[in-house]
Structures are given as structure tokens and as C-alpha cells.
N, C-alpha and C. Protein backbone atom coordinates (compact mmCIF):
# COMPACT_ATOMS: atom_id res chain seq x y z
N MET A 1 59.81 -8.32 39.27
CA MET A 1 58.58 -8.49 38.50
C MET A 1 57.67 -7.29 38.77
N ILE A 2 57.14 -6.74 37.72
CA ILE A 2 56.26 -5.59 37.84
C ILE A 2 54.83 -6.08 38.04
N GLY A 3 54.20 -5.58 39.08
CA GLY A 3 52.83 -5.97 39.37
C GLY A 3 51.84 -5.06 38.67
N PHE A 4 50.58 -5.40 38.83
CA PHE A 4 49.51 -4.64 38.19
C PHE A 4 49.44 -3.23 38.76
N TRP A 5 49.55 -3.09 40.09
CA TRP A 5 49.46 -1.78 40.73
C TRP A 5 50.62 -0.88 40.28
N THR A 6 51.81 -1.44 40.19
CA THR A 6 52.98 -0.69 39.75
C THR A 6 52.82 -0.23 38.31
N SER A 7 52.23 -1.07 37.49
CA SER A 7 51.98 -0.69 36.09
C SER A 7 50.98 0.47 36.01
N LEU A 8 49.94 0.42 36.83
CA LEU A 8 48.96 1.51 36.85
C LEU A 8 49.60 2.82 37.33
N GLU A 9 50.48 2.73 38.32
CA GLU A 9 51.17 3.93 38.78
C GLU A 9 52.07 4.50 37.69
N GLY A 10 52.72 3.64 36.94
CA GLY A 10 53.57 4.09 35.84
C GLY A 10 52.76 4.78 34.76
N ILE A 11 51.60 4.24 34.43
CA ILE A 11 50.72 4.87 33.44
C ILE A 11 50.24 6.23 33.94
N LEU A 12 49.91 6.31 35.23
CA LEU A 12 49.48 7.58 35.81
C LEU A 12 50.61 8.61 35.76
N LEU A 13 51.82 8.21 36.06
CA LEU A 13 52.96 9.12 35.98
C LEU A 13 53.19 9.60 34.54
N PHE A 14 53.04 8.71 33.59
CA PHE A 14 53.20 9.07 32.18
C PHE A 14 52.11 10.06 31.75
N ALA A 15 50.88 9.83 32.19
CA ALA A 15 49.78 10.74 31.87
C ALA A 15 50.02 12.11 32.51
N ASN A 16 50.58 12.13 33.72
CA ASN A 16 50.92 13.39 34.36
C ASN A 16 51.98 14.14 33.55
N ALA A 17 52.96 13.41 33.07
CA ALA A 17 54.02 14.04 32.28
C ALA A 17 53.47 14.66 31.00
N LEU A 18 52.53 13.99 30.36
CA LEU A 18 51.93 14.53 29.14
C LEU A 18 51.02 15.72 29.45
N ALA A 19 50.37 15.69 30.61
CA ALA A 19 49.42 16.75 30.95
C ALA A 19 50.10 18.07 31.25
N ILE A 20 51.36 18.04 31.70
CA ILE A 20 52.01 19.29 32.07
C ILE A 20 52.81 19.92 30.93
N LEU A 21 52.83 19.28 29.76
CA LEU A 21 53.56 19.87 28.63
C LEU A 21 52.87 21.17 28.21
N ASN A 22 53.63 22.23 28.11
CA ASN A 22 53.11 23.53 27.72
C ASN A 22 53.08 23.61 26.20
N GLU A 23 51.91 23.89 25.65
CA GLU A 23 51.77 23.92 24.19
C GLU A 23 52.55 25.06 23.57
N ASP A 24 52.54 26.23 24.19
CA ASP A 24 53.23 27.38 23.62
C ASP A 24 54.74 27.24 23.68
N ARG A 25 55.25 26.73 24.78
CA ARG A 25 56.70 26.65 24.97
C ARG A 25 57.33 25.42 24.36
N PHE A 26 56.65 24.29 24.45
CA PHE A 26 57.27 23.03 24.06
C PHE A 26 56.71 22.44 22.77
N LEU A 27 55.42 22.41 22.64
CA LEU A 27 54.81 21.70 21.52
C LEU A 27 54.77 22.51 20.23
N ALA A 28 54.39 23.77 20.30
CA ALA A 28 54.24 24.59 19.09
C ALA A 28 55.54 24.79 18.32
N PRO A 29 56.68 25.07 18.95
CA PRO A 29 57.91 25.22 18.17
C PRO A 29 58.34 23.96 17.44
N ARG A 30 57.87 22.82 17.89
CA ARG A 30 58.23 21.55 17.25
C ARG A 30 57.16 21.07 16.26
N GLY A 31 56.08 21.83 16.12
CA GLY A 31 55.02 21.45 15.19
C GLY A 31 54.10 20.36 15.71
N TRP A 32 53.90 20.28 17.02
CA TRP A 32 53.09 19.23 17.62
C TRP A 32 51.79 19.77 18.18
N THR A 33 51.08 20.59 17.43
CA THR A 33 49.79 21.11 17.87
C THR A 33 48.68 20.54 17.00
N LEU A 34 47.47 20.58 17.53
CA LEU A 34 46.32 20.09 16.76
C LEU A 34 46.05 20.97 15.55
N ALA A 35 46.36 22.25 15.65
CA ALA A 35 46.10 23.17 14.55
C ALA A 35 46.97 22.86 13.33
N GLU A 36 48.13 22.28 13.54
CA GLU A 36 49.03 22.00 12.43
C GLU A 36 48.74 20.66 11.77
N LEU A 37 47.88 19.86 12.35
CA LEU A 37 47.52 18.59 11.73
C LEU A 37 46.47 18.81 10.66
N GLN A 38 46.58 18.05 9.61
CA GLN A 38 45.58 18.10 8.56
C GLN A 38 44.81 16.80 8.58
N GLY A 39 43.77 16.70 7.80
CA GLY A 39 42.86 15.56 7.83
C GLY A 39 43.50 14.20 7.71
N SER A 40 44.39 14.00 6.77
CA SER A 40 44.95 12.67 6.54
C SER A 40 46.06 12.32 7.53
N THR A 41 46.67 13.32 8.15
CA THR A 41 47.77 13.03 9.08
C THR A 41 47.29 12.73 10.49
N ARG A 42 46.00 12.82 10.74
CA ARG A 42 45.50 12.51 12.09
C ARG A 42 45.62 11.03 12.41
N ASN A 43 45.66 10.18 11.40
CA ASN A 43 45.78 8.75 11.64
C ASN A 43 47.23 8.29 11.69
N SER A 44 48.17 9.18 11.46
CA SER A 44 49.58 8.82 11.52
C SER A 44 50.02 8.68 12.98
N LEU A 45 51.21 8.18 13.18
CA LEU A 45 51.73 8.02 14.54
C LEU A 45 51.86 9.37 15.23
N LYS A 46 52.35 10.37 14.50
CA LYS A 46 52.48 11.71 15.07
C LYS A 46 51.11 12.27 15.46
N GLY A 47 50.11 12.06 14.61
CA GLY A 47 48.76 12.52 14.92
C GLY A 47 48.17 11.83 16.13
N GLN A 48 48.44 10.54 16.28
CA GLN A 48 47.95 9.81 17.43
C GLN A 48 48.61 10.29 18.72
N ILE A 49 49.91 10.58 18.65
CA ILE A 49 50.62 11.07 19.83
C ILE A 49 50.12 12.45 20.22
N ILE A 50 49.90 13.32 19.23
CA ILE A 50 49.38 14.66 19.51
C ILE A 50 47.99 14.56 20.13
N GLY A 51 47.17 13.66 19.64
CA GLY A 51 45.84 13.45 20.23
C GLY A 51 45.92 12.96 21.66
N LEU A 52 46.88 12.07 21.95
CA LEU A 52 47.06 11.57 23.31
C LEU A 52 47.51 12.69 24.24
N VAL A 53 48.43 13.54 23.78
CA VAL A 53 48.90 14.66 24.60
C VAL A 53 47.74 15.61 24.92
N HIS A 54 46.94 15.92 23.93
CA HIS A 54 45.82 16.84 24.16
C HIS A 54 44.72 16.21 25.00
N ALA A 55 44.53 14.90 24.89
CA ALA A 55 43.55 14.23 25.74
C ALA A 55 44.00 14.27 27.20
N CYS A 56 45.29 14.07 27.44
CA CYS A 56 45.80 14.14 28.82
C CYS A 56 45.70 15.55 29.37
N GLN A 57 45.92 16.55 28.53
CA GLN A 57 45.79 17.93 28.98
C GLN A 57 44.34 18.28 29.27
N PHE A 58 43.43 17.73 28.50
CA PHE A 58 42.00 17.99 28.69
C PHE A 58 41.49 17.33 29.98
N MET A 59 42.06 16.19 30.33
CA MET A 59 41.59 15.42 31.48
C MET A 59 42.42 15.71 32.74
N ARG A 60 42.79 16.95 32.95
CA ARG A 60 43.62 17.30 34.12
C ARG A 60 42.90 17.08 35.44
N LEU A 61 41.64 17.44 35.53
CA LEU A 61 40.90 17.28 36.79
C LEU A 61 40.80 15.81 37.20
N PRO A 62 40.42 14.90 36.31
CA PRO A 62 40.43 13.49 36.72
C PRO A 62 41.84 12.99 37.09
N LEU A 63 42.87 13.52 36.43
CA LEU A 63 44.24 13.14 36.79
C LEU A 63 44.58 13.61 38.20
N ILE A 64 44.13 14.79 38.56
CA ILE A 64 44.37 15.30 39.91
C ILE A 64 43.68 14.40 40.93
N LEU A 65 42.46 14.03 40.64
CA LEU A 65 41.72 13.15 41.56
C LEU A 65 42.38 11.78 41.68
N LEU A 66 42.84 11.22 40.57
CA LEU A 66 43.54 9.94 40.61
C LEU A 66 44.84 10.04 41.39
N ASN A 67 45.56 11.15 41.24
CA ASN A 67 46.78 11.35 42.00
C ASN A 67 46.50 11.41 43.50
N ILE A 68 45.43 12.09 43.88
CA ILE A 68 45.06 12.17 45.30
C ILE A 68 44.73 10.78 45.84
N ILE A 69 44.00 9.99 45.07
CA ILE A 69 43.65 8.64 45.50
C ILE A 69 44.90 7.78 45.67
N VAL A 70 45.81 7.87 44.71
CA VAL A 70 47.03 7.07 44.79
C VAL A 70 47.89 7.50 45.98
N ILE A 71 47.99 8.79 46.23
CA ILE A 71 48.76 9.28 47.37
C ILE A 71 48.15 8.80 48.69
N ILE A 72 46.84 8.86 48.80
CA ILE A 72 46.17 8.39 50.02
C ILE A 72 46.39 6.88 50.21
N LEU A 73 46.29 6.12 49.12
CA LEU A 73 46.51 4.68 49.23
C LEU A 73 47.94 4.34 49.59
N LYS A 74 48.89 5.17 49.15
CA LYS A 74 50.29 4.96 49.52
C LYS A 74 50.54 5.29 50.99
N LEU A 75 49.83 6.28 51.52
CA LEU A 75 50.02 6.70 52.90
C LEU A 75 49.36 5.76 53.90
N VAL A 76 48.24 5.17 53.52
CA VAL A 76 47.51 4.27 54.42
C VAL A 76 48.16 2.89 54.38
N PRO A 77 48.62 2.41 55.51
CA PRO A 77 49.24 1.06 55.51
C PRO A 77 48.18 -0.03 55.31
N VAL A 78 48.54 -1.01 54.55
CA VAL A 78 47.60 -2.10 54.24
C VAL A 78 47.83 -3.27 55.13
């Protein structure tokens, strides 16, 4: 059974994976950049995913802080 803490760790790992995607190497050749989206396609599934990827890339500093907190909590015995 997956607990609440394990689910939060999984979400954090997923956000880390999205944050490290390189736009020039990985996203641009596949057409997954914000510049290639037009007004009506922003509400599509592809537009939502592109927005999520860019939001995770924008929030790198809070992700680093959350990673540090999780690592410290894992190291400290409860």
C-alpha cells in the first residue's frame, strides 16, 4: 500500500525529472516548446503538458529546497 509520504516523494521525483529536461536538446526537436504553441492549442493535452514542463523548469529553486528537506528527513531517524 502506498502511503501519503511515498506519494509525495513520487511527485517530487516526477517534478525533478521534468525540471531537468533540456529544451534545446530534447524538447525543441520534438516540437514541445512554448514558442511553437498557438493560442487555441494551449488548452489541449499537449499544451497542458508543455506548460507543466516549463513550470517545473521555472520552479527549480523551490525543487532544490524540497529535495534538501526530503533528504534530511530521510537521514534523520524518526
